[in-house]
C-alpha atoms as a PDB file:
ATOM      1  CA  MET A   1     116.320  65.828 -25.126  1.00  0.00           C
ATOM      2  CA  LEU A   2     117.717  69.118 -23.919  1.00  0.00           C
ATOM      3  CA  GLN A   3     120.021  69.333 -21.065  1.00  0.00           C
ATOM      4  CA  SER A   4     122.397  71.674 -19.183  1.00  0.00           C
ATOM      5  CA  VAL A   5     121.017  74.710 -21.173  1.00  0.00           C
ATOM      6  CA  ASP A   6     121.937  77.923 -19.537  1.00  0.00           C
ATOM      7  CA  PHE A   7     120.355  80.699 -21.685  1.00  0.00           C
ATOM      8  CA  ARG A   8     119.429  84.174 -21.404  1.00  0.00           C
ATOM      9  CA  ILE A   9     118.544  87.100 -23.786  1.00  0.00           C
ATOM     10  CA  ASP A  10     118.709  90.858 -23.146  1.00  0.00           C
ATOM     11  CA  PRO A  11     116.374  93.591 -24.515  1.00  0.00           C
ATOM     12  CA  GLY A  12     117.515  94.707 -27.899  1.00  0.00           C
ATOM     13  CA  GLU A  13     119.661  91.713 -28.549  1.00  0.00           C
ATOM     14  CA  ILE A  14     119.303  89.498 -31.644  1.00  0.00           C
ATOM     15  CA  VAL A  15     120.203  85.954 -30.671  1.00  0.00           C
ATOM     16  CA  THR A  16     120.108  83.020 -33.168  1.00  0.00           C
ATOM     17  CA  VAL A  17     119.902  79.397 -32.230  1.00  0.00           C
ATOM     18  CA  VAL A  18     121.539  77.031 -34.749  1.00  0.00           C
ATOM     19  CA  GLY A  19     121.962  73.329 -34.713  1.00  0.00           C
ATOM     20  CA  PRO A  20     121.323  70.119 -36.670  1.00  0.00           C
ATOM     21  CA  ASN A  21     117.897  68.494 -36.982  1.00  0.00           C
ATOM     22  CA  GLY A  22     116.840  66.892 -33.786  1.00  0.00           C
ATOM     23  CA  SER A  23     119.162  69.021 -31.672  1.00  0.00           C
ATOM     24  CA  GLY A  24     116.510  70.566 -29.568  1.00  0.00           C
ATOM     25  CA  LYS A  25     115.975  73.931 -31.253  1.00  0.00           C
ATOM     26  CA  SER A  26     112.211  73.635 -31.283  1.00  0.00           C
ATOM     27  CA  SER A  27     112.177  72.235 -27.783  1.00  0.00           C
ATOM     28  CA  LEU A  28     114.085  75.324 -26.592  1.00  0.00           C
ATOM     29  CA  VAL A  29     111.569  77.654 -28.140  1.00  0.00           C
ATOM     30  CA  ARG A  30     108.495  75.693 -26.745  1.00  0.00           C
ATOM     31  CA  ALA A  31     110.013  75.686 -23.257  1.00  0.00           C
ATOM     32  CA  LEU A  32     110.783  79.425 -23.436  1.00  0.00           C
ATOM     33  CA  LEU A  33     107.324  80.208 -24.675  1.00  0.00           C
ATOM     34  CA  GLY A  34     105.925  78.091 -21.837  1.00  0.00           C
ATOM     35  CA  HIS A  35     104.428  75.557 -24.244  1.00  0.00           C
ATOM     36  CA  MET A  36     106.166  72.539 -22.918  1.00  0.00           C
ATOM     37  CA  PRO A  37     106.566  71.575 -19.260  1.00  0.00           C
ATOM     38  CA  LEU A  38     110.111  71.319 -18.019  1.00  0.00           C
ATOM     39  CA  ALA A  39     111.381  68.085 -16.630  1.00  0.00           C
ATOM     40  CA  ALA A  40     113.918  70.161 -14.589  1.00  0.00           C
ATOM     41  CA  GLY A  41     115.200  73.710 -14.247  1.00  0.00           C
ATOM     42  CA  GLN A  42     113.197  76.800 -14.729  1.00  0.00           C
ATOM     43  CA  VAL A  43     112.406  79.560 -16.984  1.00  0.00           C
ATOM     44  CA  SER A  44     112.217  83.105 -15.526  1.00  0.00           C
ATOM     45  CA  ARG A  45     110.615  85.920 -17.492  1.00  0.00           C
ATOM     46  CA  ARG A  46     110.465  89.521 -16.843  1.00  0.00           C
ATOM     47  CA  PRO A  47     107.136  90.365 -15.281  1.00  0.00           C
ATOM     48  CA  GLU A  48     104.503  91.239 -17.823  1.00  0.00           C
ATOM     49  CA  LEU A  49     106.841  90.226 -20.615  1.00  0.00           C
ATOM     50  CA  ARG A  50     105.027  90.362 -23.983  1.00  0.00           C
ATOM     51  CA  ILE A  51     106.084  87.763 -26.543  1.00  0.00           C
ATOM     52  CA  GLY A  52     105.332  87.873 -30.232  1.00  0.00           C
ATOM     53  CA  TYR A  53     105.652  84.577 -31.919  1.00  0.00           C
ATOM     54  CA  VAL A  54     106.190  83.697 -35.509  1.00  0.00           C
ATOM     55  CA  PRO A  55     105.647  79.966 -35.896  1.00  0.00           C
ATOM     56  CA  GLN A  56     107.604  77.776 -38.282  1.00  0.00           C
ATOM     57  CA  ARG A  57     104.609  76.700 -40.423  1.00  0.00           C
ATOM     58  CA  VAL A  58     101.026  77.568 -40.218  1.00  0.00           C
ATOM     59  CA  GLN A  59      98.659  74.927 -41.439  1.00  0.00           C
ATOM     60  CA  LEU A  60      96.083  76.669 -43.484  1.00  0.00           C
ATOM     61  CA  ASP A  61      92.881  74.883 -44.265  1.00  0.00           C
ATOM     62  CA  THR A  62      92.507  75.928 -47.963  1.00  0.00           C
ATOM     63  CA  ALA A  63      88.856  75.028 -47.861  1.00  0.00           C
ATOM     64  CA  ILE A  64      88.208  78.004 -45.569  1.00  0.00           C
ATOM     65  CA  PRO A  65      88.640  81.342 -47.283  1.00  0.00           C
ATOM     66  CA  MET A  66      90.366  83.935 -45.193  1.00  0.00           C
ATOM     67  CA  THR A  67      91.748  87.351 -46.066  1.00  0.00           C
ATOM     68  CA  VAL A  68      94.942  88.794 -44.637  1.00  0.00           C
ATOM     69  CA  ARG A  69      92.683  91.397 -42.908  1.00  0.00           C
ATOM     70  CA  ARG A  70      90.710  88.735 -41.180  1.00  0.00           C
ATOM     71  CA  PHE A  71      93.750  86.775 -40.203  1.00  0.00           C
ATOM     72  CA  LEU A  72      95.298  89.729 -38.490  1.00  0.00           C
ATOM     73  CA  SER A  73      92.171  90.130 -36.430  1.00  0.00           C
ATOM     74  CA  LEU A  74      92.496  86.665 -34.775  1.00  0.00           C
ATOM     75  CA  PRO A  75      92.300  86.408 -31.858  1.00  0.00           C
ATOM     76  CA  ARG A  76      92.083  90.245 -31.090  1.00  0.00           C
ATOM     77  CA  ARG A  77      90.070  92.465 -33.346  1.00  0.00           C
ATOM     78  CA  ILE A  78      92.019  95.432 -34.679  1.00  0.00           C
ATOM     79  CA  SER A  79      91.054  98.375 -36.686  1.00  0.00           C
ATOM     80  CA  ASP A  80      91.563  98.888 -40.419  1.00  0.00           C
ATOM     81  CA  HIS A  81      94.192 101.610 -39.665  1.00  0.00           C
ATOM     82  CA  GLU A  82      96.127  99.112 -37.382  1.00  0.00           C
ATOM     83  CA  ALA A  83      96.006  96.466 -40.071  1.00  0.00           C
ATOM     84  CA  ALA A  84      97.250  98.912 -42.658  1.00  0.00           C
ATOM     85  CA  ALA A  85      99.877 100.254 -40.571  1.00  0.00           C
ATOM     86  CA  VAL A  86     101.373  96.992 -39.454  1.00  0.00           C
ATOM     87  CA  LEU A  87     101.513  95.521 -43.018  1.00  0.00           C
ATOM     88  CA  GLN A  88     103.356  98.783 -44.084  1.00  0.00           C
ATOM     89  CA  ARG A  89     105.942  98.027 -41.306  1.00  0.00           C
ATOM     90  CA  THR A  90     106.622  94.619 -42.488  1.00  0.00           C
ATOM     91  CA  GLY A  91     106.899  95.569 -46.074  1.00  0.00           C
ATOM     92  CA  VAL A  92     103.737  94.220 -47.530  1.00  0.00           C
ATOM     93  CA  PRO A  93     101.459  97.187 -47.699  1.00  0.00           C
ATOM     94  CA  GLY A  94      97.980  96.814 -49.180  1.00  0.00           C
ATOM     95  CA  LEU A  95      97.437  93.025 -48.914  1.00  0.00           C
ATOM     96  CA  GLN A  96      94.460  93.237 -46.597  1.00  0.00           C
ATOM     97  CA  ARG A  97      91.963  91.886 -49.150  1.00  0.00           C
ATOM     98  CA  ARG A  98      94.231  89.032 -50.358  1.00  0.00           C
ATOM     99  CA  GLN A  99      93.396  85.516 -49.644  1.00  0.00           C
ATOM    100  CA  LEU A 100      95.969  83.873 -47.397  1.00  0.00           C
ATOM    101  CA  THR A 101      96.089  80.989 -50.014  1.00  0.00           C
ATOM    102  CA  GLN A 102      97.110  83.515 -52.674  1.00  0.00           C
ATOM    103  CA  LEU A 103     100.280  84.796 -50.811  1.00  0.00           C
ATOM    104  CA  SER A 104     103.760  83.901 -51.730  1.00  0.00           C
ATOM    105  CA  GLY A 105     105.937  82.182 -48.998  1.00  0.00           C
ATOM    106  CA  GLY A 106     107.685  85.620 -48.409  1.00  0.00           C
ATOM    107  CA  GLN A 107     104.521  87.509 -48.230  1.00  0.00           C
ATOM    108  CA  PHE A 108     102.843  84.973 -45.841  1.00  0.00           C
ATOM    109  CA  GLN A 109     105.903  85.137 -43.479  1.00  0.00           C
ATOM    110  CA  ARG A 110     105.718  88.955 -43.431  1.00  0.00           C
ATOM    111  CA  VAL A 111     101.978  88.668 -42.679  1.00  0.00           C
ATOM    112  CA  LEU A 112     102.804  86.246 -39.764  1.00  0.00           C
ATOM    113  CA  LEU A 113     105.339  88.773 -38.491  1.00  0.00           C
ATOM    114  CA  ALA A 114     102.862  91.612 -38.762  1.00  0.00           C
ATOM    115  CA  ARG A 115     100.419  89.668 -36.746  1.00  0.00           C
ATOM    116  CA  ALA A 116     103.138  89.021 -34.099  1.00  0.00           C
ATOM    117  CA  LEU A 117     104.033  92.694 -33.979  1.00  0.00           C
ATOM    118  CA  LEU A 118     100.336  93.574 -33.066  1.00  0.00           C
ATOM    119  CA  HIS A 119     101.190  92.464 -29.582  1.00  0.00           C
ATOM    120  CA  VAL A 120     103.872  95.133 -29.316  1.00  0.00           C
ATOM    121  CA  PRO A 121     106.280  92.443 -28.130  1.00  0.00           C
ATOM    122  CA  ASP A 122     109.323  92.891 -25.811  1.00  0.00           C
ATOM    123  CA  LEU A 123     110.489  89.661 -27.303  1.00  0.00           C
ATOM    124  CA  LEU A 124     110.040  88.455 -30.738  1.00  0.00           C
ATOM    125  CA  VAL A 125     110.535  84.745 -31.322  1.00  0.00           C
ATOM    126  CA  LEU A 126     110.837  83.374 -34.851  1.00  0.00           C
ATOM    127  CA  ASP A 127     111.030  79.664 -35.559  1.00  0.00           C
ATOM    128  CA  GLU A 128     112.821  78.934 -38.963  1.00  0.00           C
ATOM    129  CA  PRO A 129     111.301  82.221 -40.390  1.00  0.00           C
ATOM    130  CA  THR A 130     112.928  81.932 -43.818  1.00  0.00           C
ATOM    131  CA  GLN A 131     112.210  78.337 -44.709  1.00  0.00           C
ATOM    132  CA  GLY A 132     111.352  78.124 -48.425  1.00  0.00           C
ATOM    133  CA  LEU A 133     112.461  81.619 -49.270  1.00  0.00           C
ATOM    134  CA  ASP A 134     115.135  82.377 -51.856  1.00  0.00           C
ATOM    135  CA  GLN A 135     118.491  83.823 -50.959  1.00  0.00           C
ATOM    136  CA  PRO A 136     117.599  87.470 -51.796  1.00  0.00           C
ATOM    137  CA  GLY A 137     114.275  86.919 -49.880  1.00  0.00           C
ATOM    138  CA  ILE A 138     116.249  85.507 -46.827  1.00  0.00           C
ATOM    139  CA  VAL A 139     118.577  88.464 -46.773  1.00  0.00           C
ATOM    140  CA  ALA A 140     115.710  90.922 -47.132  1.00  0.00           C
ATOM    141  CA  PHE A 141     113.813  89.302 -44.218  1.00  0.00           C
ATOM    142  CA  TYR A 142     116.699  89.455 -41.964  1.00  0.00           C
ATOM    143  CA  LYS A 143     117.381  93.045 -42.803  1.00  0.00           C
ATOM    144  CA  LEU A 144     113.719  93.745 -41.966  1.00  0.00           C
ATOM    145  CA  ILE A 145     114.100  92.050 -38.529  1.00  0.00           C
ATOM    146  CA  GLU A 146     117.071  94.200 -37.835  1.00  0.00           C
ATOM    147  CA  ASP A 147     115.189  97.317 -38.702  1.00  0.00           C
ATOM    148  CA  LEU A 148     112.323  96.358 -36.421  1.00  0.00           C
ATOM    149  CA  ARG A 149     114.720  95.611 -33.625  1.00  0.00           C
ATOM    150  CA  GLY A 150     116.057  99.175 -34.170  1.00  0.00           C
ATOM    151  CA  GLN A 151     112.705 100.719 -34.147  1.00  0.00           C
ATOM    152  CA  THR A 152     111.136  98.699 -31.073  1.00  0.00           C
ATOM    153  CA  GLY A 153     114.196  97.796 -28.927  1.00  0.00           C
ATOM    154  CA  ALA A 154     112.672  94.389 -28.625  1.00  0.00           C
ATOM    155  CA  ALA A 155     114.854  91.275 -28.067  1.00  0.00           C
ATOM    156  CA  VAL A 156     114.780  88.896 -31.053  1.00  0.00           C
ATOM    157  CA  LEU A 157     115.308  85.200 -30.763  1.00  0.00           C
ATOM    158  CA  MET A 158     115.547  83.220 -33.896  1.00  0.00           C
ATOM    159  CA  VAL A 159     115.811  79.508 -34.635  1.00  0.00           C
ATOM    160  CA  SER A 160     117.387  78.955 -37.993  1.00  0.00           C
ATOM    161  CA  HIS A 161     119.393  76.718 -40.153  1.00  0.00           C
ATOM    162  CA  ASP A 162     120.317  79.467 -42.659  1.00  0.00           C
ATOM    163  CA  LEU A 163     123.916  79.510 -41.648  1.00  0.00           C
ATOM    164  CA  LEU A 164     124.590  81.712 -44.641  1.00  0.00           C
ATOM    165  CA  VAL A 165     122.851  84.742 -43.402  1.00  0.00           C
ATOM    166  CA  VAL A 166     121.896  84.062 -39.904  1.00  0.00           C
ATOM    167  CA  MET A 167     125.370  84.770 -38.651  1.00  0.00           C
ATOM    168  CA  GLY A 168     125.358  88.278 -40.149  1.00  0.00           C
ATOM    169  CA  ALA A 169     122.086  89.290 -38.722  1.00  0.00           C
ATOM    170  CA  SER A 170     122.971  88.219 -35.150  1.00  0.00           C
ATOM    171  CA  ASP A 171     124.628  89.733 -32.169  1.00  0.00           C
ATOM    172  CA  ARG A 172     124.934  86.257 -30.618  1.00  0.00           C
ATOM    173  CA  VAL A 173     124.722  82.825 -31.875  1.00  0.00           C
ATOM    174  CA  VAL A 174     123.959  79.708 -29.644  1.00  0.00           C
ATOM    175  CA  CYS A 175     124.891  76.437 -31.238  1.00  0.00           C
ATOM    176  CA  LEU A 176     122.787  73.729 -29.916  1.00  0.00           C
ATOM    177  CA  ASN A 177     123.206  69.947 -30.063  1.00  0.00           C
ATOM    178  CA  GLY A 178     121.162  68.607 -27.115  1.00  0.00           C
ATOM    179  CA  HIS A 179     123.131  71.067 -24.977  1.00  0.00           C
ATOM    180  CA  VAL A 180     124.837  74.302 -25.746  1.00  0.00           C
ATOM    181  CA  CYS A 181     127.985  73.306 -27.376  1.00  0.00           C
ATOM    182  CA  CYS A 182     129.258  76.728 -28.174  1.00  0.00           C
ATOM    183  CA  GLU A 183     127.948  80.484 -28.294  1.00  0.00           C
ATOM    184  CA  GLY A 184     129.347  83.894 -28.873  1.00  0.00           C
ATOM    185  CA  THR A 185     129.489  86.476 -31.502  1.00  0.00           C
ATOM    186  CA  PRO A 186     129.307  85.171 -35.035  1.00  0.00           C
ATOM    187  CA  ALA A 187     133.060  85.568 -35.510  1.00  0.00           C
ATOM    188  CA  HIS A 188     133.693  83.505 -32.371  1.00  0.00           C
ATOM    189  CA  VAL A 189     131.267  80.746 -33.152  1.00  0.00           C
ATOM    190  CA  SER A 190     132.295  80.269 -36.805  1.00  0.00           C
ATOM    191  CA  VAL A 191     135.901  79.285 -35.766  1.00  0.00           C
ATOM    192  CA  ASP A 192     134.835  77.272 -32.738  1.00  0.00           C
ATOM    193  CA  PRO A 193     135.812  73.637 -33.174  1.00  0.00           C
ATOM    194  CA  ALA A 194     132.382  72.486 -31.945  1.00  0.00           C
ATOM    195  CA  TYR A 195     130.613  74.463 -34.448  1.00  0.00           C
ATOM    196  CA  ARG A 196     132.867  73.171 -37.205  1.00  0.00           C
ATOM    197  CA  ALA A 197     132.399  69.688 -36.057  1.00  0.00           C
ATOM    198  CA  LEU A 198     128.586  70.110 -36.458  1.00  0.00           C
ATOM    199  CA  PHE A 199     128.452  71.989 -39.628  1.00  0.00           C
ATOM    200  CA  GLY A 200     131.672  71.119 -41.489  1.00  0.00           C
ATOM    201  CA  ALA A 201     134.850  73.114 -41.692  1.00  0.00           C
ATOM    202  CA  GLY A 202     133.629  74.953 -44.712  1.00  0.00           C
ATOM    203  CA  ALA A 203     130.675  76.474 -42.990  1.00  0.00           C
ATOM    204  CA  GLU A 204     132.442  79.663 -41.757  1.00  0.00           C
ATOM    205  CA  GLY A 205     133.529  80.548 -45.281  1.00  0.00           C
ATOM    206  CA  THR A 206     129.974  81.380 -46.028  1.00  0.00           C
ATOM    207  CA  LEU A 207     129.839  83.684 -43.122  1.00  0.00           C
ATOM    208  CA  ALA A 208     131.949  86.389 -44.670  1.00  0.00           C
ATOM    209  CA  LEU A 209     129.538  86.803 -47.541  1.00  0.00           C
ATOM    210  CA  TYR A 210     126.765  88.260 -45.389  1.00  0.00           C
ATOM    211  CA  ARG A 211     128.777  89.811 -42.440  1.00  0.00           C
ATOM    212  CA  HIS A 212     127.462  93.434 -42.186  1.00  0.00           C
ATOM    213  CA  HIS A 213     128.631  96.252 -40.060  1.00  0.00           C
ATOM    214  CA  HIS A 214     126.770  96.822 -36.804  1.00  0.00           C
ATOM    215  CA  ASP A 215     126.310 100.231 -35.362  1.00  0.00           C
ATOM    216  CA  HIS A 216     127.872  98.941 -32.249  1.00  0.00           C
ATOM    217  CA  ASP A 217     131.186  97.215 -31.419  1.00  0.00           C
ATOM    218  CA  HIS A 218     131.848  93.621 -30.851  1.00  0.00           C
ATOM    219  CA  ASP A 219     134.985  92.254 -29.407  1.00  0.00           C
ATOM    220  CA  HIS A 220     136.694  90.589 -32.177  1.00  0.00           C
ATOM    221  CA  ALA A 221     138.986  87.835 -30.946  1.00  0.00           C
ATOM    222  CA  THR A 222     142.175  87.663 -32.929  1.00  0.00           C
ATOM    223  CA  VAL A 223     142.960  84.168 -31.572  1.00  0.00           C
ATOM    224  CA  PRO A 224     140.090  81.574 -32.068  1.00  0.00           C
ATOM    225  CA  ASP A 225     138.851  80.594 -28.696  1.00  0.00           C
ATOM    226  CA  GLN A 226     139.529  76.957 -27.633  1.00  0.00           C
ATOM    227  CA  GLY A 227     136.495  75.000 -26.656  1.00  0.00           C
ATOM    228  CA  CYS A 228     133.247  76.852 -25.592  1.00  0.00           C
ATOM    229  CA  ASP A 229     134.067  79.116 -22.859  1.00  0.00           C
ATOM    230  CA  HIS A 230     133.577  82.474 -24.440  1.00  0.00           C
ATOM    231  CA  ASP A 231     133.291  85.935 -22.826  1.00  0.00           C
ATOM    232  CA  HIS A 232     130.372  87.850 -24.313  1.00  0.00           C
ATOM    233  CA  HIS A 233     130.497  91.562 -24.072  1.00  0.00           C
ATOM    234  CA  HIS A 234     127.889  93.383 -25.830  1.00  0.00           C
ATOM    235  CA  HIS A 235     127.892  97.181 -26.391  1.00  0.00           C
ATOM    236  CA  HIS A 236     124.604  98.266 -27.612  1.00  0.00           C
ATOM    237  CA  GLY A 237     124.675 101.776 -29.014  1.00  0.00           C
END
């Protein structure tokens, strides 16, 4: 049950929602996508906002053969050229004739991402996109997301439990546990007492491993903020 969630995402921003199982992460995504009626409150979207959605898991009926090419053409038919171009962009060129059931987890994830990009989204929503991938695969996938953000200027909202990498790939992290218990830059959140209470005091140690250098500035607080009232200043270059 989610309550008192005040959430917004701006164009070009990568925001990751983290939280334990049952914390409402999927409910937040469903509410933002309009898949779930709200008991209270409202979701406002920019007019004509195009959303590309990469679901957590797609149940494939293995009895029905389907090629990547055919899958990309559901529900909107696309040309061979569009299919080739979008697979190239997501780093899996030449997979058009492959059966979906023959793909590795990482390849399938990139095909799902390619299909979402066909909408030319203003907002890309990814629900646990790296489930089942190994560590190098996870790092590579987040790097791809960052590159796509740079190319398209789309906002990216990810739901994840990959604390290792997710922090490095985000401009802002929202920590959810039925409500927003803390949010801010990765550096802020990793030292927040509420975050530590949820994920253990050692969780922020893993953050440094994958911290990368943005091409824009973040305000790095020298003193850990007490509680959850953070100022968020984003300077997008």
